Amino acid sequence: MRIGKVIGSVHATRKVQSLTGYRLLILEVLGKGLKPTGEKLIAVDTIDAGPGDVVYFVEARDATLALKHELTPSDATIVGLVEGFE
């Protein structure tokens, strides 16, 4: 599980049917001290996140397990909203 900040969205006119109803968001990956690492990726949104939200996401096989259909192609899926840090 990693942390990222929503910086945009992807609009796809055609996509795999199992992704219907999901938004695709662009994340800037955050590292230690919540500083940007320079890495950006596209993730499937399952929590209705918006621009500027800090979220946590899962990757690889875990990314598909978070979706309704296990065979949905996803390399990264947003699974939670970060509300605070200690």
PDB file of N, CA and C in Angstrom:
ATOM      1  N   MET A   1       0.854  -1.163   0.000  1.00  0.00           N
ATOM      2  CA  MET A   1       0.000   0.000   0.000  1.00  0.00           C
ATOM      3  C   MET A   1       0.908   1.236   0.000  1.00  0.00           C
ATOM      4  N   ARG A   2       0.542   2.202  -0.849  1.00  0.00           N
ATOM      5  CA  ARG A   2       1.309   3.448  -0.935  1.00  0.00           C
ATOM      6  C   ARG A   2       0.352   4.641  -0.880  1.00  0.00           C
ATOM      7  N   ILE A   3       0.929   5.822  -0.749  1.00  0.00           N
ATOM      8  CA  ILE A   3       0.132   7.050  -0.632  1.00  0.00           C
ATOM      9  C   ILE A   3       0.388   7.928  -1.849  1.00  0.00           C
ATOM     10  N   GLY A   4      -0.685   8.587  -2.320  1.00  0.00           N
ATOM     11  CA  GLY A   4      -0.571   9.487  -3.453  1.00  0.00           C
ATOM     12  C   GLY A   4      -1.554  10.629  -3.342  1.00  0.00           C
ATOM     13  N   LYS A   5      -1.334  11.637  -4.160  1.00  0.00           N
ATOM     14  CA  LYS A   5      -2.223  12.811  -4.211  1.00  0.00           C
ATOM     15  C   LYS A   5      -2.868  12.861  -5.585  1.00  0.00           C
ATOM     16  N   VAL A   6      -4.178  13.056  -5.613  1.00  0.00           N
ATOM     17  CA  VAL A   6      -4.915  13.132  -6.875  1.00  0.00           C
ATOM     18  C   VAL A   6      -4.582  14.459  -7.551  1.00  0.00           C
ATOM     19  N   ILE A   7      -4.077  14.357  -8.794  1.00  0.00           N
ATOM     20  CA  ILE A   7      -3.716  15.582  -9.521  1.00  0.00           C
ATOM     21  C   ILE A   7      -4.477  15.741 -10.833  1.00  0.00           C
ATOM     22  N   GLY A   8      -5.326  14.792 -11.147  1.00  0.00           N
ATOM     23  CA  GLY A   8      -6.090  14.900 -12.392  1.00  0.00           C
ATOM     24  C   GLY A   8      -6.900  13.651 -12.660  1.00  0.00           C
ATOM     25  N   SER A   9      -7.527  13.631 -13.821  1.00  0.00           N
ATOM     26  CA  SER A   9      -8.331  12.471 -14.194  1.00  0.00           C
ATOM     27  C   SER A   9      -8.109  12.144 -15.664  1.00  0.00           C
ATOM     28  N   VAL A  10      -8.455  10.921 -16.012  1.00  0.00           N
ATOM     29  CA  VAL A  10      -8.342  10.448 -17.388  1.00  0.00           C
ATOM     30  C   VAL A  10      -9.756  10.212 -17.899  1.00  0.00           C
ATOM     31  N   HIS A  11     -10.060  10.718 -19.068  1.00  0.00           N
ATOM     32  CA  HIS A  11     -11.371  10.501 -19.678  1.00  0.00           C
ATOM     33  C   HIS A  11     -11.197   9.518 -20.828  1.00  0.00           C
ATOM     34  N   ALA A  12     -11.825   8.360 -20.693  1.00  0.00           N
ATOM     35  CA  ALA A  12     -11.717   7.320 -21.720  1.00  0.00           C
ATOM     36  C   ALA A  12     -13.086   7.085 -22.344  1.00  0.00           C
ATOM     37  N   THR A  13     -13.160   7.220 -23.655  1.00  0.00           N
ATOM     38  CA  THR A  13     -14.436   6.990 -24.333  1.00  0.00           C
ATOM     39  C   THR A  13     -14.687   5.504 -24.527  1.00  0.00           C
ATOM     40  N   ARG A  14     -13.622   4.709 -24.501  1.00  0.00           N
ATOM     41  CA  ARG A  14     -13.764   3.252 -24.626  1.00  0.00           C
ATOM     42  C   ARG A  14     -12.853   2.614 -23.594  1.00  0.00           C
ATOM     43  N   LYS A  15     -13.397   1.658 -22.853  1.00  0.00           N
ATOM     44  CA  LYS A  15     -12.592   0.922 -21.890  1.00  0.00           C
ATOM     45  C   LYS A  15     -13.208  -0.445 -21.661  1.00  0.00           C
ATOM     46  N   VAL A  16     -12.489  -1.299 -20.994  1.00  0.00           N
ATOM     47  CA  VAL A  16     -12.960  -2.647 -20.698  1.00  0.00           C
ATOM     48  C   VAL A  16     -14.285  -2.543 -19.947  1.00  0.00           C
ATOM     49  N   GLN A  17     -15.233  -3.377 -20.323  1.00  0.00           N
ATOM     50  CA  GLN A  17     -16.578  -3.300 -19.748  1.00  0.00           C
ATOM     51  C   GLN A  17     -16.570  -3.388 -18.221  1.00  0.00           C
ATOM     52  N   SER A  18     -15.663  -4.173 -17.640  1.00  0.00           N
ATOM     53  CA  SER A  18     -15.633  -4.312 -16.181  1.00  0.00           C
ATOM     54  C   SER A  18     -15.172  -3.037 -15.475  1.00  0.00           C
ATOM     55  N   LEU A  19     -14.658  -2.054 -16.222  1.00  0.00           N
ATOM     56  CA  LEU A  19     -14.289  -0.756 -15.633  1.00  0.00           C
ATOM     57  C   LEU A  19     -15.422   0.267 -15.737  1.00  0.00           C
ATOM     58  N   THR A  20     -16.534  -0.110 -16.327  1.00  0.00           N
ATOM     59  CA  THR A  20     -17.677   0.795 -16.432  1.00  0.00           C
ATOM     60  C   THR A  20     -18.134   1.193 -15.030  1.00  0.00           C
ATOM     61  N   GLY A  21     -18.313   2.487 -14.828  1.00  0.00           N
ATOM     62  CA  GLY A  21     -18.741   2.986 -13.530  1.00  0.00           C
ATOM     63  C   GLY A  21     -17.593   3.442 -12.644  1.00  0.00           C
ATOM     64  N   TYR A  22     -16.367   3.115 -13.027  1.00  0.00           N
ATOM     65  CA  TYR A  22     -15.191   3.557 -12.277  1.00  0.00           C
ATOM     66  C   TYR A  22     -14.530   4.725 -12.992  1.00  0.00           C
ATOM     67  N   ARG A  23     -14.001   5.671 -12.209  1.00  0.00           N
ATOM     68  CA  ARG A  23     -13.217   6.760 -12.781  1.00  0.00           C
ATOM     69  C   ARG A  23     -11.742   6.385 -12.731  1.00  0.00           C
ATOM     70  N   LEU A  24     -10.974   6.941 -13.638  1.00  0.00           N
ATOM     71  CA  LEU A  24      -9.532   6.762 -13.657  1.00  0.00           C
ATOM     72  C   LEU A  24      -8.889   8.082 -13.259  1.00  0.00           C
ATOM     73  N   LEU A  25      -8.083   8.060 -12.197  1.00  0.00           N
ATOM     74  CA  LEU A  25      -7.473   9.280 -11.681  1.00  0.00           C
ATOM     75  C   LEU A  25      -5.955   9.232 -11.815  1.00  0.00           C
ATOM     76  N   ILE A  26      -5.360  10.395 -12.009  1.00  0.00           N
ATOM     77  CA  ILE A  26      -3.906  10.511 -12.067  1.00  0.00           C
ATOM     78  C   ILE A  26      -3.407  10.824 -10.661  1.00  0.00           C
ATOM     79  N   LEU A  27      -2.460  10.021 -10.177  1.00  0.00           N
ATOM     80  CA  LEU A  27      -1.900  10.211  -8.845  1.00  0.00           C
ATOM     81  C   LEU A  27      -0.438  10.606  -8.939  1.00  0.00           C
ATOM     82  N   GLU A  28      -0.025  11.496  -8.034  1.00  0.00           N
ATOM     83  CA  GLU A  28       1.382  11.793  -7.831  1.00  0.00           C
ATOM     84  C   GLU A  28       1.770  11.042  -6.569  1.00  0.00           C
ATOM     85  N   VAL A  29       2.695  10.098  -6.682  1.00  0.00           N
ATOM     86  CA  VAL A  29       3.081   9.261  -5.550  1.00  0.00           C
ATOM     87  C   VAL A  29       3.851  10.099  -4.530  1.00  0.00           C
ATOM     88  N   LEU A  30       3.501   9.914  -3.248  1.00  0.00           N
ATOM     89  CA  LEU A  30       4.152  10.630  -2.160  1.00  0.00           C
ATOM     90  C   LEU A  30       5.046   9.675  -1.379  1.00  0.00           C
ATOM     91  N   GLY A  31       6.204  10.169  -0.944  1.00  0.00           N
ATOM     92  CA  GLY A  31       7.150   9.365  -0.184  1.00  0.00           C
ATOM     93  C   GLY A  31       7.257   9.859   1.245  1.00  0.00           C
ATOM     94  N   LYS A  32       8.433   9.689   1.836  1.00  0.00           N
ATOM     95  CA  LYS A  32       8.671  10.117   3.217  1.00  0.00           C
ATOM     96  C   LYS A  32       8.374  11.597   3.378  1.00  0.00           C
ATOM     97  N   GLY A  33       7.735  11.933   4.477  1.00  0.00           N
ATOM     98  CA  GLY A  33       7.375  13.316   4.736  1.00  0.00           C
ATOM     99  C   GLY A  33       6.334  13.852   3.784  1.00  0.00           C
ATOM    100  N   LEU A  34       5.636  12.949   3.105  1.00  0.00           N
ATOM    101  CA  LEU A  34       4.603  13.307   2.117  1.00  0.00           C
ATOM    102  C   LEU A  34       5.148  14.195   1.001  1.00  0.00           C
ATOM    103  N   LYS A  35       6.406  13.994   0.671  1.00  0.00           N
ATOM    104  CA  LYS A  35       7.013  14.742  -0.417  1.00  0.00           C
ATOM    105  C   LYS A  35       6.843  13.955  -1.721  1.00  0.00           C
ATOM    106  N   PRO A  36       6.530  14.640  -2.822  1.00  0.00           N
ATOM    107  CA  PRO A  36       6.371  13.963  -4.114  1.00  0.00           C
ATOM    108  C   PRO A  36       7.655  13.242  -4.523  1.00  0.00           C
ATOM    109  N   THR A  37       7.502  12.032  -5.034  1.00  0.00           N
ATOM    110  CA  THR A  37       8.655  11.244  -5.487  1.00  0.00           C
ATOM    111  C   THR A  37       8.976  11.501  -6.951  1.00  0.00           C
ATOM    112  N   GLY A  38       8.066  12.163  -7.642  1.00  0.00           N
ATOM    113  CA  GLY A  38       8.238  12.384  -9.077  1.00  0.00           C
ATOM    114  C   GLY A  38       7.521  11.330  -9.908  1.00  0.00           C
ATOM    115  N   GLU A  39       7.102  10.248  -9.266  1.00  0.00           N
ATOM    116  CA  GLU A  39       6.383   9.182  -9.962  1.00  0.00           C
ATOM    117  C   GLU A  39       4.904   9.544 -10.069  1.00  0.00           C
ATOM    118  N   LYS A  40       4.337   9.319 -11.236  1.00  0.00           N
ATOM    119  CA  LYS A  40       2.910   9.536 -11.459  1.00  0.00           C
ATOM    120  C   LYS A  40       2.322   8.268 -12.053  1.00  0.00           C
ATOM    121  N   LEU A  41       1.070   7.995 -11.725  1.00  0.00           N
ATOM    122  CA  LEU A  41       0.418   6.812 -12.271  1.00  0.00           C
ATOM    123  C   LEU A  41      -1.074   7.026 -12.360  1.00  0.00           C
ATOM    124  N   ILE A  42      -1.735   6.140 -13.081  1.00  0.00           N
ATOM    125  CA  ILE A  42      -3.186   6.176 -13.219  1.00  0.00           C
ATOM    126  C   ILE A  42      -3.763   5.060 -12.373  1.00  0.00           C
ATOM    127  N   ALA A  43      -4.779   5.385 -11.570  1.00  0.00           N
ATOM    128  CA  ALA A  43      -5.391   4.397 -10.680  1.00  0.00           C
ATOM    129  C   ALA A  43      -6.907   4.406 -10.837  1.00  0.00           C
ATOM    130  N   VAL A  44      -7.493   3.243 -10.630  1.00  0.00           N
ATOM    131  CA  VAL A  44      -8.951   3.109 -10.629  1.00  0.00           C
ATOM    132  C   VAL A  44      -9.463   3.657  -9.295  1.00  0.00           C
ATOM    133  N   ASP A  45     -10.482   4.505  -9.339  1.00  0.00           N
ATOM    134  CA  ASP A  45     -11.028   5.135  -8.136  1.00  0.00           C
ATOM    135  C   ASP A  45     -12.230   4.350  -7.614  1.00  0.00           C
ATOM    136  N   THR A  46     -12.145   3.858  -6.382  1.00  0.00           N
ATOM    137  CA  THR A  46     -13.272   3.139  -5.771  1.00  0.00           C
ATOM    138  C   THR A  46     -13.914   3.924  -4.638  1.00  0.00           C
ATOM    139  N   ILE A  47     -13.406   5.140  -4.340  1.00  0.00           N
ATOM    140  CA  ILE A  47     -13.895   5.884  -3.168  1.00  0.00           C
ATOM    141  C   ILE A  47     -14.426   7.268  -3.501  1.00  0.00           C
ATOM    142  N   ASP A  48     -14.503   7.615  -4.774  1.00  0.00           N
ATOM    143  CA  ASP A  48     -14.972   8.939  -5.206  1.00  0.00           C
ATOM    144  C   ASP A  48     -14.040  10.054  -4.731  1.00  0.00           C
ATOM    145  N   ALA A  49     -12.747   9.858  -4.930  1.00  0.00           N
ATOM    146  CA  ALA A  49     -11.746  10.867  -4.570  1.00  0.00           C
ATOM    147  C   ALA A  49     -11.800  12.016  -5.567  1.00  0.00           C
ATOM    148  N   GLY A  50     -11.242  13.151  -5.161  1.00  0.00           N
ATOM    149  CA  GLY A  50     -11.241  14.317  -6.029  1.00  0.00           C
ATOM    150  C   GLY A  50      -9.886  14.991  -6.062  1.00  0.00           C
ATOM    151  N   PRO A  51      -9.731  15.999  -6.904  1.00  0.00           N
ATOM    152  CA  PRO A  51      -8.455  16.703  -7.035  1.00  0.00           C
ATOM    153  C   PRO A  51      -7.968  17.231  -5.685  1.00  0.00           C
ATOM    154  N   GLY A  52      -6.693  16.979  -5.393  1.00  0.00           N
ATOM    155  CA  GLY A  52      -6.098  17.447  -4.151  1.00  0.00           C
ATOM    156  C   GLY A  52      -6.210  16.464  -2.997  1.00  0.00           C
ATOM    157  N   ASP A  53      -7.069  15.452  -3.119  1.00  0.00           N
ATOM    158  CA  ASP A  53      -7.205  14.454  -2.049  1.00  0.00           C
ATOM    159  C   ASP A  53      -5.944  13.608  -1.939  1.00  0.00           C
ATOM    160  N   VAL A  54      -5.573  13.303  -0.693  1.00  0.00           N
ATOM    161  CA  VAL A  54      -4.479  12.367  -0.442  1.00  0.00           C
ATOM    162  C   VAL A  54      -5.128  11.012  -0.184  1.00  0.00           C
ATOM    163  N   VAL A  55      -4.698  10.005  -0.925  1.00  0.00           N
ATOM    164  CA  VAL A  55      -5.330   8.688  -0.890  1.00  0.00           C
ATOM    165  C   VAL A  55      -4.275   7.605  -0.691  1.00  0.00           C
ATOM    166  N   TYR A  56      -4.735   6.428  -0.296  1.00  0.00           N
ATOM    167  CA  TYR A  56      -3.827   5.291  -0.336  1.00  0.00           C
ATOM    168  C   TYR A  56      -4.345   4.312  -1.370  1.00  0.00           C
ATOM    169  N   PHE A  57      -3.389   3.638  -2.014  1.00  0.00           N
ATOM    170  CA  PHE A  57      -3.734   2.762  -3.116  1.00  0.00           C
ATOM    171  C   PHE A  57      -2.921   1.476  -3.044  1.00  0.00           C
ATOM    172  N   VAL A  58      -3.455   0.454  -3.673  1.00  0.00           N
ATOM    173  CA  VAL A  58      -2.784  -0.841  -3.747  1.00  0.00           C
ATOM    174  C   VAL A  58      -2.426  -1.119  -5.198  1.00  0.00           C
ATOM    175  N   GLU A  59      -1.437  -1.988  -5.380  1.00  0.00           N
ATOM    176  CA  GLU A  59      -0.954  -2.284  -6.724  1.00  0.00           C
ATOM    177  C   GLU A  59      -0.895  -3.787  -6.961  1.00  0.00           C
ATOM    178  N   ALA A  60      -0.578  -4.138  -8.181  1.00  0.00           N
ATOM    179  CA  ALA A  60      -0.401  -5.525  -8.617  1.00  0.00           C
ATOM    180  C   ALA A  60      -1.688  -6.320  -8.392  1.00  0.00           C
ATOM    181  N   ARG A  61      -1.594  -7.533  -7.919  1.00  0.00           N
ATOM    182  CA  ARG A  61      -2.760  -8.412  -7.739  1.00  0.00           C
ATOM    183  C   ARG A  61      -3.769  -7.794  -6.771  1.00  0.00           C
ATOM    184  N   ASP A  62      -3.283  -7.116  -5.733  1.00  0.00           N
ATOM    185  CA  ASP A  62      -4.180  -6.478  -4.769  1.00  0.00           C
ATOM    186  C   ASP A  62      -5.088  -5.444  -5.431  1.00  0.00           C
ATOM    187  N   ALA A  63      -4.616  -4.812  -6.497  1.00  0.00           N
ATOM    188  CA  ALA A  63      -5.407  -3.797  -7.198  1.00  0.00           C
ATOM    189  C   ALA A  63      -6.659  -4.399  -7.815  1.00  0.00           C
ATOM    190  N   THR A  64      -6.577  -5.623  -8.285  1.00  0.00           N
ATOM    191  CA  THR A  64      -7.754  -6.244  -8.888  1.00  0.00           C
ATOM    192  C   THR A  64      -8.707  -6.796  -7.836  1.00  0.00           C
ATOM    193  N   LEU A  65      -8.185  -7.192  -6.680  1.00  0.00           N
ATOM    194  CA  LEU A  65      -9.031  -7.736  -5.614  1.00  0.00           C
ATOM    195  C   LEU A  65      -9.973  -6.682  -5.031  1.00  0.00           C
ATOM    196  N   ALA A  66      -9.615  -5.415  -5.137  1.00  0.00           N
ATOM    197  CA  ALA A  66     -10.436  -4.337  -4.589  1.00  0.00           C
ATOM    198  C   ALA A  66     -11.629  -3.990  -5.476  1.00  0.00           C
ATOM    199  N   LEU A  67     -11.707  -4.587  -6.651  1.00  0.00           N
ATOM    200  CA  LEU A  67     -12.776  -4.278  -7.606  1.00  0.00           C
ATOM    201  C   LEU A  67     -13.848  -5.359  -7.591  1.00  0.00           C
ATOM    202  N   LYS A  68     -15.020  -5.030  -8.140  1.00  0.00           N
ATOM    203  CA  LYS A  68     -16.150  -5.965  -8.136  1.00  0.00           C
ATOM    204  C   LYS A  68     -15.828  -7.266  -8.861  1.00  0.00           C
ATOM    205  N   HIS A  69     -15.151  -7.156  -9.991  1.00  0.00           N
ATOM    206  CA  HIS A  69     -14.801  -8.334 -10.785  1.00  0.00           C
ATOM    207  C   HIS A  69     -13.297  -8.557 -10.674  1.00  0.00           C
ATOM    208  N   GLU A  70     -12.897  -9.696 -10.155  1.00  0.00           N
ATOM    209  CA  GLU A  70     -11.481  -9.967  -9.910  1.00  0.00           C
ATOM    210  C   GLU A  70     -10.613  -9.949 -11.158  1.00  0.00           C
ATOM    211  N   LEU A  71     -11.188 -10.138 -12.319  1.00  0.00           N
ATOM    212  CA  LEU A  71     -10.393 -10.157 -13.540  1.00  0.00           C
ATOM    213  C   LEU A  71     -10.329  -8.793 -14.226  1.00  0.00           C
ATOM    214  N   THR A  72     -10.758  -7.740 -13.542  1.00  0.00           N
ATOM    215  CA  THR A  72     -10.675  -6.394 -14.100  1.00  0.00           C
ATOM    216  C   THR A  72      -9.212  -5.982 -14.179  1.00  0.00           C
ATOM    217  N   PRO A  73      -8.757  -5.517 -15.332  1.00  0.00           N
ATOM    218  CA  PRO A  73      -7.354  -5.119 -15.459  1.00  0.00           C
ATOM    219  C   PRO A  73      -7.083  -3.800 -14.731  1.00  0.00           C
ATOM    220  N   SER A  74      -6.224  -3.858 -13.718  1.00  0.00           N
ATOM    221  CA  SER A  74      -5.833  -2.659 -12.978  1.00  0.00           C
ATOM    222  C   SER A  74      -4.454  -2.881 -12.372  1.00  0.00           C
ATOM    223  N   ASP A  75      -3.566  -1.927 -12.588  1.00  0.00           N
ATOM    224  CA  ASP A  75      -2.246  -1.976 -11.956  1.00  0.00           C
ATOM    225  C   ASP A  75      -2.253  -1.239 -10.627  1.00  0.00           C
ATOM    226  N   ALA A  76      -3.209  -0.311 -10.449  1.00  0.00           N
ATOM    227  CA  ALA A  76      -3.310   0.456  -9.209  1.00  0.00           C
ATOM    228  C   ALA A  76      -4.779   0.794  -8.951  1.00  0.00           C
ATOM    229  N   THR A  77      -5.207   0.638  -7.702  1.00  0.00           N
ATOM    230  CA  THR A  77      -6.588   0.940  -7.317  1.00  0.00           C
ATOM    231  C   THR A  77      -6.589   1.720  -6.016  1.00  0.00           C
ATOM    232  N   ILE A  78      -7.314   2.840  -6.001  1.00  0.00           N
ATOM    233  CA  ILE A  78      -7.443   3.656  -4.798  1.00  0.00           C
ATOM    234  C   ILE A  78      -8.431   2.960  -3.870  1.00  0.00           C
ATOM    235  N   VAL A  79      -8.021   2.748  -2.611  1.00  0.00           N
ATOM    236  CA  VAL A  79      -8.870   2.028  -1.669  1.00  0.00           C
ATOM    237  C   VAL A  79      -9.201   2.829  -0.406  1.00  0.00           C
ATOM    238  N   GLY A  80      -8.609   4.013  -0.233  1.00  0.00           N
ATOM    239  CA  GLY A  80      -8.920   4.787   0.966  1.00  0.00           C
ATOM    240  C   GLY A  80      -8.499   6.238   0.846  1.00  0.00           C
ATOM    241  N   LEU A  81      -9.131   7.065   1.663  1.00  0.00           N
ATOM    242  CA  LEU A  81      -8.853   8.492   1.736  1.00  0.00           C
ATOM    243  C   LEU A  81      -8.085   8.768   3.018  1.00  0.00           C
ATOM    244  N   VAL A  82      -6.973   9.457   2.917  1.00  0.00           N
ATOM    245  CA  VAL A  82      -6.170   9.803   4.096  1.00  0.00           C
ATOM    246  C   VAL A  82      -6.751  11.076   4.693  1.00  0.00           C
ATOM    247  N   GLU A  83      -7.184  10.994   5.942  1.00  0.00           N
ATOM    248  CA  GLU A  83      -7.795  12.150   6.600  1.00  0.00           C
ATOM    249  C   GLU A  83      -6.840  12.859   7.548  1.00  0.00           C
ATOM    250  N   GLY A  84      -5.765  12.191   7.954  1.00  0.00           N
ATOM    251  CA  GLY A  84      -4.819  12.815   8.856  1.00  0.00           C
ATOM    252  C   GLY A  84      -3.572  11.960   9.033  1.00  0.00           C
ATOM    253  N   PHE A  85      -2.551  12.556   9.637  1.00  0.00           N
ATOM    254  CA  PHE A  85      -1.276  11.878   9.865  1.00  0.00           C
ATOM    255  C   PHE A  85      -0.819  12.137  11.286  1.00  0.00           C
ATOM    256  N   GLU A  86      -0.049  11.200  11.830  1.00  0.00           N
ATOM    257  CA  GLU A  86       0.561  11.391  13.159  1.00  0.00           C
ATOM    258  C   GLU A  86       2.051  11.259  13.048  1.00  0.00           C
TER     259      GLU A  86
END
